[in-house]
Amino acid sequence: MTAKGRRRIAAQLNQAARTCARQGAQLTHLRRSVLGLILQADGPVTAYQLLDRLKRVRRGAVPPTIYRALDFLLAQRLIHRLERLNAFVPCAETGHRHGAQFLICRECGTVAEIEDPAAARALAHAAERQGFHLRDAVVEIEGTCAACSHAG
């Protein structure tokens, strides 16, 4: 990783710590390490991939260690869980409550987070018409990214 990449991740981790503090929570060393691993990943990363990476610096790490950290990071809205992939990605807008839409490429596996307020409003209105009170809406859309479309 380049020095610029390390600085960017350090800035994101510091922002995450400030976000947690504003919410009365603490980004402990372990939680910070797990978030750092997610930020460093080239794409979505599973809990067991995170555990393998964490064991390189924290030999005693076990699955509950990762799952507790992931639960905290999800609750603080620092990461998203992609149900379809059973994997985690960093939140594009750290700590903000927002409906997120994810574009998942079936060819190369890249994931792009987009935030389309019109799509979020349409989902909320559709839910309201059914008498459903929407709490959170995460949409996962599978297809082919631009790079793979052009390559094929």
Protein backbone atom coordinates (compact mmCIF):
# COMPACT_ATOMS: atom_id res chain seq x y z
CA MET A 1 0.00 0.00 0.00
CA THR A 2 1.25 3.47 -0.86
CA ALA A 3 1.95 6.17 1.70
CA LYS A 4 -1.01 8.10 0.32
CA GLY A 5 -3.26 5.06 0.79
CA ARG A 6 -2.06 4.62 4.38
CA ARG A 7 -2.75 8.31 5.12
CA ARG A 8 -6.23 8.04 3.61
CA ILE A 9 -7.07 5.00 5.74
CA ALA A 10 -5.63 6.66 8.87
CA ALA A 11 -7.84 9.69 8.20
CA GLN A 12 -10.88 7.44 7.75
CA LEU A 13 -10.11 5.63 11.00
CA ASN A 14 -9.73 8.93 12.86
CA GLN A 15 -13.05 10.11 11.43
CA ALA A 16 -14.66 6.84 12.53
CA ALA A 17 -13.29 7.33 16.07
CA ARG A 18 -14.77 10.85 16.17
CA THR A 19 -18.11 9.53 14.89
CA CYS A 20 -18.17 6.87 17.60
CA ALA A 21 -17.25 9.39 20.30
CA ARG A 22 -20.11 11.69 19.21
CA GLN A 23 -22.47 8.74 19.65
CA GLY A 24 -21.06 7.86 23.07
CA ALA A 25 -19.24 4.78 21.80
CA GLN A 26 -15.57 3.90 21.68
CA LEU A 27 -13.61 2.65 18.68
CA THR A 28 -11.31 0.32 20.63
CA HIS A 29 -7.98 -0.86 19.27
CA LEU A 30 -9.54 -4.16 18.14
CA ARG A 31 -12.52 -2.48 16.45
CA ARG A 32 -10.17 -0.01 14.80
CA SER A 33 -8.03 -2.91 13.55
CA VAL A 34 -11.03 -4.71 12.05
CA LEU A 35 -12.29 -1.52 10.41
CA GLY A 36 -8.79 -0.92 9.06
CA LEU A 37 -8.77 -4.39 7.50
CA ILE A 38 -12.11 -3.68 5.82
CA LEU A 39 -10.84 -0.31 4.55
CA GLN A 40 -7.68 -1.96 3.18
CA ALA A 41 -9.55 -4.71 1.35
CA ASP A 42 -9.85 -4.48 -2.42
CA GLY A 43 -13.53 -5.41 -2.21
CA PRO A 44 -16.07 -7.10 0.03
CA VAL A 45 -14.47 -9.21 2.73
CA THR A 46 -16.03 -12.06 4.74
CA ALA A 47 -15.79 -12.49 8.50
CA TYR A 48 -13.44 -15.45 8.11
CA GLN A 49 -11.19 -13.56 5.71
CA LEU A 50 -11.04 -10.80 8.33
CA LEU A 51 -10.27 -13.35 11.03
CA ASP A 52 -7.38 -14.78 8.99
CA ARG A 53 -5.96 -11.28 8.47
CA LEU A 54 -6.46 -10.29 12.09
CA LYS A 55 -4.62 -13.42 13.29
CA ARG A 56 -1.47 -12.07 11.63
CA VAL A 57 -1.30 -9.32 14.26
CA ARG A 58 -3.48 -10.82 17.02
CA ARG A 59 -2.77 -14.54 17.27
CA GLY A 60 -5.50 -15.29 19.81
CA ALA A 61 -8.32 -13.96 17.63
CA VAL A 62 -11.33 -16.28 17.38
CA PRO A 63 -14.61 -15.98 15.44
CA PRO A 64 -16.52 -14.27 18.31
CA THR A 65 -13.78 -11.61 18.35
CA ILE A 66 -14.55 -10.69 14.75
CA TYR A 67 -18.32 -10.97 15.06
CA ARG A 68 -18.45 -8.67 18.11
CA ALA A 69 -16.31 -6.10 16.30
CA LEU A 70 -18.45 -6.37 13.14
CA ASP A 71 -21.66 -5.99 15.16
CA PHE A 72 -20.27 -2.81 16.70
CA LEU A 73 -19.11 -1.41 13.34
CA LEU A 74 -22.52 -2.16 11.82
CA ALA A 75 -24.35 -0.53 14.74
CA GLN A 76 -22.19 2.58 14.39
CA ARG A 77 -22.90 2.61 10.63
CA LEU A 78 -19.22 2.43 9.75
CA ILE A 79 -19.65 -0.61 7.51
CA HIS A 80 -22.37 -2.38 5.53
CA ARG A 81 -23.13 -6.08 5.34
CA LEU A 82 -23.85 -7.38 1.87
CA GLU A 83 -26.31 -10.19 2.43
CA ARG A 84 -25.92 -11.66 -1.04
CA LEU A 85 -22.16 -12.06 -0.60
CA ASN A 86 -22.18 -12.57 3.18
CA ALA A 87 -19.42 -9.97 3.26
CA PHE A 88 -18.66 -6.51 4.58
CA VAL A 89 -17.68 -3.21 2.95
CA PRO A 90 -16.91 0.20 4.43
CA CYS A 91 -19.69 2.76 4.44
CA ALA A 92 -19.13 5.53 1.91
CA GLU A 93 -20.59 8.07 4.36
CA THR A 94 -19.18 7.09 7.73
CA GLY A 95 -21.73 7.07 10.50
CA HIS A 96 -24.60 8.54 8.52
CA ARG A 97 -28.01 6.90 8.46
CA HIS A 98 -28.88 6.50 4.82
CA GLY A 99 -30.45 4.07 2.46
CA ALA A 100 -27.76 2.48 0.41
CA GLN A 101 -27.82 0.78 -2.93
CA PHE A 102 -25.01 -1.53 -3.97
CA LEU A 103 -24.05 -2.46 -7.50
CA ILE A 104 -22.44 -5.91 -7.46
CA CYS A 105 -20.62 -7.08 -10.59
CA ARG A 106 -21.21 -10.77 -11.27
CA GLU A 107 -18.09 -10.91 -13.45
CA CYS A 108 -15.31 -9.39 -11.33
CA GLY A 109 -17.00 -9.07 -7.94
CA THR A 110 -16.51 -5.34 -7.51
CA VAL A 111 -19.05 -3.52 -5.40
CA ALA A 112 -19.98 0.13 -5.72
CA GLU A 113 -22.07 1.92 -3.11
CA ILE A 114 -24.41 4.50 -4.51
CA GLU A 115 -26.87 6.69 -2.70
CA ASP A 116 -29.80 7.64 -4.84
CA PRO A 117 -32.32 9.65 -2.78
CA ALA A 118 -34.97 9.19 -5.46
CA ALA A 119 -34.64 5.40 -5.24
CA ALA A 120 -34.79 5.56 -1.44
CA ARG A 121 -37.91 7.75 -1.58
CA ALA A 122 -39.56 5.41 -4.09
CA LEU A 123 -38.96 2.43 -1.80
CA ALA A 124 -40.24 4.35 1.23
CA HIS A 125 -43.40 5.40 -0.63
CA ALA A 126 -44.01 1.86 -1.89
CA ALA A 127 -43.63 0.55 1.66
CA GLU A 128 -46.00 3.21 3.02
CA ARG A 129 -48.65 2.25 0.46
CA GLN A 130 -48.53 -1.24 1.97
CA GLY A 131 -48.79 0.14 5.49
CA PHE A 132 -45.19 -0.86 6.13
CA HIS A 133 -42.98 1.38 8.25
CA LEU A 134 -39.54 1.32 6.65
CA ARG A 135 -36.62 1.41 9.08
CA ASP A 136 -33.72 0.73 6.77
CA ALA A 137 -33.39 -0.11 3.10
CA VAL A 138 -30.31 -1.73 1.66
CA VAL A 139 -30.66 -2.69 -1.98
CA GLU A 140 -28.24 -5.07 -3.68
CA ILE A 141 -28.29 -4.98 -7.46
CA GLU A 142 -26.42 -7.61 -9.46
CA GLY A 143 -25.18 -6.97 -12.97
CA THR A 144 -22.04 -6.21 -14.92
CA CYS A 145 -19.81 -3.23 -14.21
CA ALA A 146 -18.64 -0.85 -16.91
CA ALA A 147 -15.13 -2.31 -17.04
CA CYS A 148 -16.39 -5.86 -17.53
CA SER A 149 -18.99 -4.71 -20.05
CA HIS A 150 -16.28 -3.09 -22.15
CA ALA A 151 -13.90 -6.03 -21.77
CA GLY A 152 -16.52 -8.54 -22.97
